[in-house]
Amino acid sequence: MSAPDWIVRGQLNEPPCMLFGLDEAGALVGAITVNFGREMRSVRQLVERRAKLAREVLLDPGRTMREIAKEVV
Protein backbone atom coordinates (compact mmCIF):
# COMPACT_ATOMS: atom_id res chain seq x y z
CA MET A 1 0.00 0.00 0.00
CA SER A 2 1.40 3.36 -0.94
CA ALA A 3 0.60 6.61 0.81
CA PRO A 4 0.25 9.67 -1.40
CA ASP A 5 0.04 12.02 1.60
CA TRP A 6 2.54 12.13 4.48
CA ILE A 7 2.31 14.33 7.55
CA VAL A 8 4.89 14.78 10.31
CA ARG A 9 4.37 15.00 14.06
CA GLY A 10 7.35 16.86 15.42
CA GLN A 11 10.39 18.00 13.45
CA LEU A 12 12.33 15.65 11.18
CA ASN A 13 15.58 17.33 12.12
CA GLU A 14 14.82 17.11 15.87
CA PRO A 15 13.78 13.55 16.80
CA PRO A 16 11.70 12.09 18.27
CA CYS A 17 9.12 12.43 15.52
CA MET A 18 6.55 10.39 13.63
CA LEU A 19 5.44 10.34 10.02
CA PHE A 20 1.95 9.23 9.07
CA GLY A 21 1.01 8.02 5.60
CA LEU A 22 -2.56 8.66 4.50
CA ASP A 23 -4.35 7.29 1.45
CA GLU A 24 -6.62 9.32 -0.84
CA ALA A 25 -9.56 8.86 1.53
CA GLY A 26 -7.57 10.03 4.56
CA ALA A 27 -7.12 6.57 6.09
CA LEU A 28 -3.89 5.83 7.95
CA VAL A 29 -2.00 3.29 5.83
CA GLY A 30 1.57 3.64 7.06
CA ALA A 31 3.77 5.17 9.71
CA ILE A 32 7.40 5.69 10.58
CA THR A 33 8.68 6.52 14.04
CA VAL A 34 12.07 8.07 14.73
CA ASN A 35 13.24 7.54 18.32
CA PHE A 36 9.60 6.94 19.27
CA GLY A 37 9.51 3.16 19.50
CA ARG A 38 7.09 3.07 22.42
CA GLU A 39 4.41 4.55 20.15
CA MET A 40 4.80 2.05 17.29
CA ARG A 41 2.56 -0.69 18.69
CA SER A 42 -0.42 1.65 18.92
CA VAL A 43 0.35 3.14 15.50
CA ARG A 44 0.38 -0.38 13.99
CA GLN A 45 -3.08 -1.00 15.43
CA LEU A 46 -4.36 2.18 13.83
CA VAL A 47 -2.80 1.26 10.47
CA GLU A 48 -4.35 -2.23 10.63
CA ARG A 49 -7.75 -0.60 11.20
CA ARG A 50 -7.10 1.94 8.43
CA ALA A 51 -8.24 4.56 10.93
CA LYS A 52 -9.46 7.89 9.63
CA LEU A 53 -8.32 10.54 12.07
CA ALA A 54 -8.35 14.29 11.84
CA ARG A 55 -4.92 15.72 11.04
CA GLU A 56 -5.13 17.75 14.24
CA VAL A 57 -5.37 14.52 16.23
CA LEU A 58 -2.36 12.96 14.54
CA LEU A 59 -0.31 16.13 14.93
CA ASP A 60 -1.16 16.81 18.59
CA PRO A 61 2.04 16.21 20.62
CA GLY A 62 0.01 16.33 23.83
CA ARG A 63 -1.69 13.01 23.09
CA THR A 64 -0.03 9.62 22.93
CA MET A 65 -0.83 7.22 20.13
CA ARG A 66 -1.97 4.77 22.79
CA GLU A 67 -4.65 7.24 23.92
CA ILE A 68 -5.72 7.80 20.34
CA ALA A 69 -5.83 4.05 19.54
CA LYS A 70 -8.10 3.43 22.54
CA GLU A 71 -10.61 5.92 21.14
CA VAL A 72 -10.77 4.25 17.72
CA VAL A 73 -13.19 1.35 17.63
PDB file of N, CA and C in Angstrom:
ATOM      1  N   MET A   1       0.847  -1.175   0.000  1.00  0.00           N
ATOM      2  CA  MET A   1       0.000   0.000   0.000  1.00  0.00           C
ATOM      3  C   MET A   1       0.890   1.235   0.000  1.00  0.00           C
ATOM      4  N   SER A   2       0.643   2.113  -0.913  1.00  0.00           N
ATOM      5  CA  SER A   2       1.404   3.357  -0.941  1.00  0.00           C
ATOM      6  C   SER A   2       0.568   4.460  -0.295  1.00  0.00           C
ATOM      7  N   ALA A   3       1.266   5.480   0.167  1.00  0.00           N
ATOM      8  CA  ALA A   3       0.596   6.606   0.809  1.00  0.00           C
ATOM      9  C   ALA A   3       0.943   7.877   0.044  1.00  0.00           C
ATOM     10  N   PRO A   4      -0.033   8.461  -0.635  1.00  0.00           N
ATOM     11  CA  PRO A   4       0.245   9.670  -1.398  1.00  0.00           C
ATOM     12  C   PRO A   4       0.402  10.923  -0.537  1.00  0.00           C
ATOM     13  N   ASP A   5      -0.011  10.848   0.723  1.00  0.00           N
ATOM     14  CA  ASP A   5       0.042  12.017   1.603  1.00  0.00           C
ATOM     15  C   ASP A   5       0.751  11.640   2.898  1.00  0.00           C
ATOM     16  N   TRP A   6       1.793  12.370   3.246  1.00  0.00           N
ATOM     17  CA  TRP A   6       2.541  12.134   4.481  1.00  0.00           C
ATOM     18  C   TRP A   6       2.522  13.388   5.333  1.00  0.00           C
ATOM     19  N   ILE A   7       2.253  13.203   6.631  1.00  0.00           N
ATOM     20  CA  ILE A   7       2.311  14.325   7.554  1.00  0.00           C
ATOM     21  C   ILE A   7       3.275  13.972   8.685  1.00  0.00           C
ATOM     22  N   VAL A   8       3.850  14.989   9.299  1.00  0.00           N
ATOM     23  CA  VAL A   8       4.893  14.784  10.306  1.00  0.00           C
ATOM     24  C   VAL A   8       4.450  15.357  11.647  1.00  0.00           C
ATOM     25  N   ARG A   9       4.564  14.529  12.681  1.00  0.00           N
ATOM     26  CA  ARG A   9       4.367  14.997  14.063  1.00  0.00           C
ATOM     27  C   ARG A   9       5.751  15.253  14.622  1.00  0.00           C
ATOM     28  N   GLY A  10       6.024  16.489  14.950  1.00  0.00           N
ATOM     29  CA  GLY A  10       7.353  16.863  15.420  1.00  0.00           C
ATOM     30  C   GLY A  10       8.167  17.444  14.276  1.00  0.00           C
ATOM     31  N   GLN A  11       9.469  17.455  14.455  1.00  0.00           N
ATOM     32  CA  GLN A  11      10.386  17.996  13.454  1.00  0.00           C
ATOM     33  C   GLN A  11      11.333  16.893  12.994  1.00  0.00           C
ATOM     34  N   LEU A  12      11.452  16.697  11.699  1.00  0.00           N
ATOM     35  CA  LEU A  12      12.335  15.647  11.185  1.00  0.00           C
ATOM     36  C   LEU A  12      13.784  15.844  11.626  1.00  0.00           C
ATOM     37  N   ASN A  13      14.193  17.068  11.749  1.00  0.00           N
ATOM     38  CA  ASN A  13      15.584  17.327  12.124  1.00  0.00           C
ATOM     39  C   ASN A  13      15.792  17.378  13.633  1.00  0.00           C
ATOM     40  N   GLU A  14      14.724  17.124  14.414  1.00  0.00           N
ATOM     41  CA  GLU A  14      14.816  17.111  15.873  1.00  0.00           C
ATOM     42  C   GLU A  14      14.012  15.944  16.446  1.00  0.00           C
ATOM     43  N   PRO A  15      14.514  14.693  16.267  1.00  0.00           N
ATOM     44  CA  PRO A  15      13.779  13.546  16.805  1.00  0.00           C
ATOM     45  C   PRO A  15      13.593  13.687  18.317  1.00  0.00           C
ATOM     46  N   PRO A  16      12.564  13.078  18.888  1.00  0.00           N
ATOM     47  CA  PRO A  16      11.696  12.090  18.267  1.00  0.00           C
ATOM     48  C   PRO A  16      10.623  12.736  17.388  1.00  0.00           C
ATOM     49  N   CYS A  17      10.189  11.976  16.395  1.00  0.00           N
ATOM     50  CA  CYS A  17       9.118  12.426  15.523  1.00  0.00           C
ATOM     51  C   CYS A  17       8.442  11.205  14.901  1.00  0.00           C
ATOM     52  N   MET A  18       7.287  11.451  14.311  1.00  0.00           N
ATOM     53  CA  MET A  18       6.550  10.391  13.630  1.00  0.00           C
ATOM     54  C   MET A  18       6.041  10.908  12.298  1.00  0.00           C
ATOM     55  N   LEU A  19       6.008  10.032  11.321  1.00  0.00           N
ATOM     56  CA  LEU A  19       5.440  10.345  10.018  1.00  0.00           C
ATOM     57  C   LEU A  19       4.248   9.427   9.811  1.00  0.00           C
ATOM     58  N   PHE A  20       3.165   9.993   9.309  1.00  0.00           N
ATOM     59  CA  PHE A  20       1.950   9.232   9.068  1.00  0.00           C
ATOM     60  C   PHE A  20       1.609   9.286   7.588  1.00  0.00           C
ATOM     61  N   GLY A  21       1.397   8.107   6.997  1.00  0.00           N
ATOM     62  CA  GLY A  21       1.009   8.022   5.596  1.00  0.00           C
ATOM     63  C   GLY A  21      -0.489   7.833   5.479  1.00  0.00           C
ATOM     64  N   LEU A  22      -1.109   8.705   4.693  1.00  0.00           N
ATOM     65  CA  LEU A  22      -2.555   8.655   4.498  1.00  0.00           C
ATOM     66  C   LEU A  22      -2.878   8.352   3.041  1.00  0.00           C
ATOM     67  N   ASP A  23      -3.938   7.563   2.822  1.00  0.00           N
ATOM     68  CA  ASP A  23      -4.353   7.295   1.450  1.00  0.00           C
ATOM     69  C   ASP A  23      -5.260   8.427   0.960  1.00  0.00           C
ATOM     70  N   GLU A  24      -5.802   8.277  -0.238  1.00  0.00           N
ATOM     71  CA  GLU A  24      -6.621   9.325  -0.844  1.00  0.00           C
ATOM     72  C   GLU A  24      -7.866   9.645  -0.029  1.00  0.00           C
ATOM     73  N   ALA A  25      -8.366   8.662   0.720  1.00  0.00           N
ATOM     74  CA  ALA A  25      -9.565   8.855   1.531  1.00  0.00           C
ATOM     75  C   ALA A  25      -9.245   9.366   2.938  1.00  0.00           C
ATOM     76  N   GLY A  26      -7.969   9.538   3.243  1.00  0.00           N
ATOM     77  CA  GLY A  26      -7.566  10.026   4.563  1.00  0.00           C
ATOM     78  C   GLY A  26      -7.350   8.944   5.593  1.00  0.00           C
ATOM     79  N   ALA A  27      -7.349   7.676   5.164  1.00  0.00           N
ATOM     80  CA  ALA A  27      -7.117   6.569   6.091  1.00  0.00           C
ATOM     81  C   ALA A  27      -5.620   6.390   6.339  1.00  0.00           C
ATOM     82  N   LEU A  28      -5.279   6.067   7.571  1.00  0.00           N
ATOM     83  CA  LEU A  28      -3.886   5.834   7.948  1.00  0.00           C
ATOM     84  C   LEU A  28      -3.438   4.487   7.380  1.00  0.00           C
ATOM     85  N   VAL A  29      -2.460   4.517   6.483  1.00  0.00           N
ATOM     86  CA  VAL A  29      -2.004   3.287   5.830  1.00  0.00           C
ATOM     87  C   VAL A  29      -0.523   2.990   6.073  1.00  0.00           C
ATOM     88  N   GLY A  30       0.165   3.872   6.770  1.00  0.00           N
ATOM     89  CA  GLY A  30       1.569   3.638   7.057  1.00  0.00           C
ATOM     90  C   GLY A  30       2.074   4.637   8.082  1.00  0.00           C
ATOM     91  N   ALA A  31       3.176   4.276   8.717  1.00  0.00           N
ATOM     92  CA  ALA A  31       3.767   5.172   9.709  1.00  0.00           C
ATOM     93  C   ALA A  31       5.236   4.833   9.892  1.00  0.00           C
ATOM     94  N   ILE A  32       5.981   5.846  10.258  1.00  0.00           N
ATOM     95  CA  ILE A  32       7.404   5.694  10.578  1.00  0.00           C
ATOM     96  C   ILE A  32       7.634   6.448  11.876  1.00  0.00           C
ATOM     97  N   THR A  33       8.315   5.818  12.813  1.00  0.00           N
ATOM     98  CA  THR A  33       8.677   6.517  14.042  1.00  0.00           C
ATOM     99  C   THR A  33      10.192   6.670  14.079  1.00  0.00           C
ATOM    100  N   VAL A  34      10.647   7.808  14.561  1.00  0.00           N
ATOM    101  CA  VAL A  34      12.075   8.068  14.726  1.00  0.00           C
ATOM    102  C   VAL A  34      12.299   8.359  16.204  1.00  0.00           C
ATOM    103  N   ASN A  35      12.999   7.447  16.871  1.00  0.00           N
ATOM    104  CA  ASN A  35      13.237   7.543  18.320  1.00  0.00           C
ATOM    105  C   ASN A  35      11.932   7.649  19.105  1.00  0.00           C
ATOM    106  N   PHE A  36      10.924   6.926  18.651  1.00  0.00           N
ATOM    107  CA  PHE A  36       9.603   6.945  19.269  1.00  0.00           C
ATOM    108  C   PHE A  36       9.030   5.527  19.298  1.00  0.00           C
ATOM    109  N   GLY A  37       9.895   4.565  19.562  1.00  0.00           N
ATOM    110  CA  GLY A  37       9.509   3.158  19.498  1.00  0.00           C
ATOM    111  C   GLY A  37       8.326   2.786  20.361  1.00  0.00           C
ATOM    112  N   ARG A  38       8.185   3.434  21.514  1.00  0.00           N
ATOM    113  CA  ARG A  38       7.086   3.074  22.421  1.00  0.00           C
ATOM    114  C   ARG A  38       5.711   3.369  21.811  1.00  0.00           C
ATOM    115  N   GLU A  39       5.672   4.198  20.793  1.00  0.00           N
ATOM    116  CA  GLU A  39       4.412   4.547  20.145  1.00  0.00           C
ATOM    117  C   GLU A  39       4.059   3.607  18.987  1.00  0.00           C
ATOM    118  N   MET A  40       5.004   2.816  18.526  1.00  0.00           N
ATOM    119  CA  MET A  40       4.801   2.051  17.292  1.00  0.00           C
ATOM    120  C   MET A  40       3.710   0.995  17.408  1.00  0.00           C
ATOM    121  N   ARG A  41       3.586   0.348  18.546  1.00  0.00           N
ATOM    122  CA  ARG A  41       2.557  -0.692  18.691  1.00  0.00           C
ATOM    123  C   ARG A  41       1.158  -0.117  18.459  1.00  0.00           C
ATOM    124  N   SER A  42       0.892   1.009  19.075  1.00  0.00           N
ATOM    125  CA  SER A  42      -0.417   1.648  18.915  1.00  0.00           C
ATOM    126  C   SER A  42      -0.618   2.148  17.486  1.00  0.00           C
ATOM    127  N   VAL A  43       0.440   2.674  16.883  1.00  0.00           N
ATOM    128  CA  VAL A  43       0.348   3.138  15.500  1.00  0.00           C
ATOM    129  C   VAL A  43       0.033   1.965  14.578  1.00  0.00           C
ATOM    130  N   ARG A  44       0.662   0.821  14.810  1.00  0.00           N
ATOM    131  CA  ARG A  44       0.385  -0.375  13.992  1.00  0.00           C
ATOM    132  C   ARG A  44      -1.094  -0.752  14.068  1.00  0.00           C
ATOM    133  N   GLN A  45      -1.663  -0.680  15.266  1.00  0.00           N
ATOM    134  CA  GLN A  45      -3.084  -1.001  15.427  1.00  0.00           C
ATOM    135  C   GLN A  45      -3.950  -0.057  14.594  1.00  0.00           C
ATOM    136  N   LEU A  46      -3.596   1.211  14.609  1.00  0.00           N
ATOM    137  CA  LEU A  46      -4.359   2.185  13.827  1.00  0.00           C
ATOM    138  C   LEU A  46      -4.223   1.939  12.329  1.00  0.00           C
ATOM    139  N   VAL A  47      -3.030   1.564  11.889  1.00  0.00           N
ATOM    140  CA  VAL A  47      -2.804   1.264  10.473  1.00  0.00           C
ATOM    141  C   VAL A  47      -3.611   0.023  10.078  1.00  0.00           C
ATOM    142  N   GLU A  48      -3.592  -1.007  10.925  1.00  0.00           N
ATOM    143  CA  GLU A  48      -4.349  -2.225  10.632  1.00  0.00           C
ATOM    144  C   GLU A  48      -5.836  -1.925  10.485  1.00  0.00           C
ATOM    145  N   ARG A  49      -6.334  -0.980  11.246  1.00  0.00           N
ATOM    146  CA  ARG A  49      -7.752  -0.596  11.199  1.00  0.00           C
ATOM    147  C   ARG A  49      -8.041   0.416  10.092  1.00  0.00           C
ATOM    148  N   ARG A  50      -6.971   0.892   9.442  1.00  0.00           N
ATOM    149  CA  ARG A  50      -7.104   1.941   8.432  1.00  0.00           C
ATOM    150  C   ARG A  50      -7.928   3.100   9.001  1.00  0.00           C
ATOM    151  N   ALA A  51      -7.529   3.510  10.197  1.00  0.00           N
ATOM    152  CA  ALA A  51      -8.240   4.556  10.933  1.00  0.00           C
ATOM    153  C   ALA A  51      -8.236   5.876  10.161  1.00  0.00           C
ATOM    154  N   LYS A  52      -9.354   6.546  10.213  1.00  0.00           N
ATOM    155  CA  LYS A  52      -9.464   7.887   9.634  1.00  0.00           C
ATOM    156  C   LYS A  52      -9.515   8.859  10.799  1.00  0.00           C
ATOM    157  N   LEU A  53      -8.442   9.597  10.962  1.00  0.00           N
ATOM    158  CA  LEU A  53      -8.318  10.537  12.070  1.00  0.00           C
ATOM    159  C   LEU A  53      -8.083  11.936  11.527  1.00  0.00           C
ATOM    160  N   ALA A  54      -8.598  12.907  12.231  1.00  0.00           N
ATOM    161  CA  ALA A  54      -8.349  14.292  11.843  1.00  0.00           C
ATOM    162  C   ALA A  54      -6.848  14.573  11.938  1.00  0.00           C
ATOM    163  N   ARG A  55      -6.343  15.355  11.020  1.00  0.00           N
ATOM    164  CA  ARG A  55      -4.921  15.721  11.044  1.00  0.00           C
ATOM    165  C   ARG A  55      -4.531  16.325  12.382  1.00  0.00           C
ATOM    166  N   GLU A  56      -5.423  17.120  12.958  1.00  0.00           N
ATOM    167  CA  GLU A  56      -5.129  17.752  14.237  1.00  0.00           C
ATOM    168  C   GLU A  56      -4.851  16.712  15.320  1.00  0.00           C
ATOM    169  N   VAL A  57      -5.568  15.597  15.257  1.00  0.00           N
ATOM    170  CA  VAL A  57      -5.375  14.522  16.234  1.00  0.00           C
ATOM    171  C   VAL A  57      -3.998  13.893  16.042  1.00  0.00           C
ATOM    172  N   LEU A  58      -3.656  13.578  14.807  1.00  0.00           N
ATOM    173  CA  LEU A  58      -2.356  12.963  14.536  1.00  0.00           C
ATOM    174  C   LEU A  58      -1.199  13.896  14.883  1.00  0.00           C
ATOM    175  N   LEU A  59      -1.389  15.171  14.719  1.00  0.00           N
ATOM    176  CA  LEU A  59      -0.306  16.129  14.929  1.00  0.00           C
ATOM    177  C   LEU A  59      -0.200  16.635  16.363  1.00  0.00           C
ATOM    178  N   ASP A  60      -1.139  16.298  17.212  1.00  0.00           N
ATOM    179  CA  ASP A  60      -1.160  16.809  18.586  1.00  0.00           C
ATOM    180  C   ASP A  60      -0.105  16.119  19.454  1.00  0.00           C
ATOM    181  N   PRO A  61       0.981  16.823  19.809  1.00  0.00           N
ATOM    182  CA  PRO A  61       2.038  16.207  20.617  1.00  0.00           C
ATOM    183  C   PRO A  61       1.622  15.956  22.062  1.00  0.00           C
ATOM    184  N   GLY A  62       0.489  16.508  22.468  1.00  0.00           N
ATOM    185  CA  GLY A  62       0.011  16.325  23.831  1.00  0.00           C
ATOM    186  C   GLY A  62      -0.734  15.021  24.050  1.00  0.00           C
ATOM    187  N   ARG A  63      -0.966  14.276  22.980  1.00  0.00           N
ATOM    188  CA  ARG A  63      -1.690  13.005  23.086  1.00  0.00           C
ATOM    189  C   ARG A  63      -0.813  11.873  22.605  1.00  0.00           C
ATOM    190  N   THR A  64      -0.796  10.783  23.353  1.00  0.00           N
ATOM    191  CA  THR A  64      -0.029   9.619  22.927  1.00  0.00           C
ATOM    192  C   THR A  64      -0.836   8.837  21.905  1.00  0.00           C
ATOM    193  N   MET A  65      -0.152   8.059  21.110  1.00  0.00           N
ATOM    194  CA  MET A  65      -0.829   7.220  20.130  1.00  0.00           C
ATOM    195  C   MET A  65      -1.643   6.143  20.844  1.00  0.00           C
ATOM    196  N   ARG A  66      -1.213   5.746  22.014  1.00  0.00           N
ATOM    197  CA  ARG A  66      -1.973   4.766  22.792  1.00  0.00           C
ATOM    198  C   ARG A  66      -3.347   5.336  23.163  1.00  0.00           C
ATOM    199  N   GLU A  67      -3.374   6.595  23.601  1.00  0.00           N
ATOM    200  CA  GLU A  67      -4.649   7.242  23.923  1.00  0.00           C
ATOM    201  C   GLU A  67      -5.542   7.305  22.691  1.00  0.00           C
ATOM    202  N   ILE A  68      -4.959   7.670  21.583  1.00  0.00           N
ATOM    203  CA  ILE A  68      -5.720   7.796  20.345  1.00  0.00           C
ATOM    204  C   ILE A  68      -6.254   6.436  19.894  1.00  0.00           C
ATOM    205  N   ALA A  69      -5.416   5.400  19.964  1.00  0.00           N
ATOM    206  CA  ALA A  69      -5.832   4.052  19.539  1.00  0.00           C
ATOM    207  C   ALA A  69      -6.981   3.539  20.383  1.00  0.00           C
ATOM    208  N   LYS A  70      -7.006   3.874  21.664  1.00  0.00           N
ATOM    209  CA  LYS A  70      -8.098   3.427  22.544  1.00  0.00           C
ATOM    210  C   LYS A  70      -9.433   4.039  22.130  1.00  0.00           C
ATOM    211  N   GLU A  71      -9.379   5.229  21.543  1.00  0.00           N
ATOM    212  CA  GLU A  71     -10.607   5.916  21.144  1.00  0.00           C
ATOM    213  C   GLU A  71     -11.176   5.401  19.830  1.00  0.00           C
ATOM    214  N   VAL A  72     -10.343   4.754  19.036  1.00  0.00           N
ATOM    215  CA  VAL A  72     -10.771   4.253  17.724  1.00  0.00           C
ATOM    216  C   VAL A  72     -11.316   2.852  17.878  1.00  0.00           C
ATOM    217  N   VAL A  73     -12.546   2.678  17.486  1.00  0.00           N
ATOM    218  CA  VAL A  73     -13.185   1.354  17.628  1.00  0.00           C
ATOM    219  C   VAL A  73     -13.051   0.583  16.350  1.00  0.00           C
TER     220      VAL A  73
END
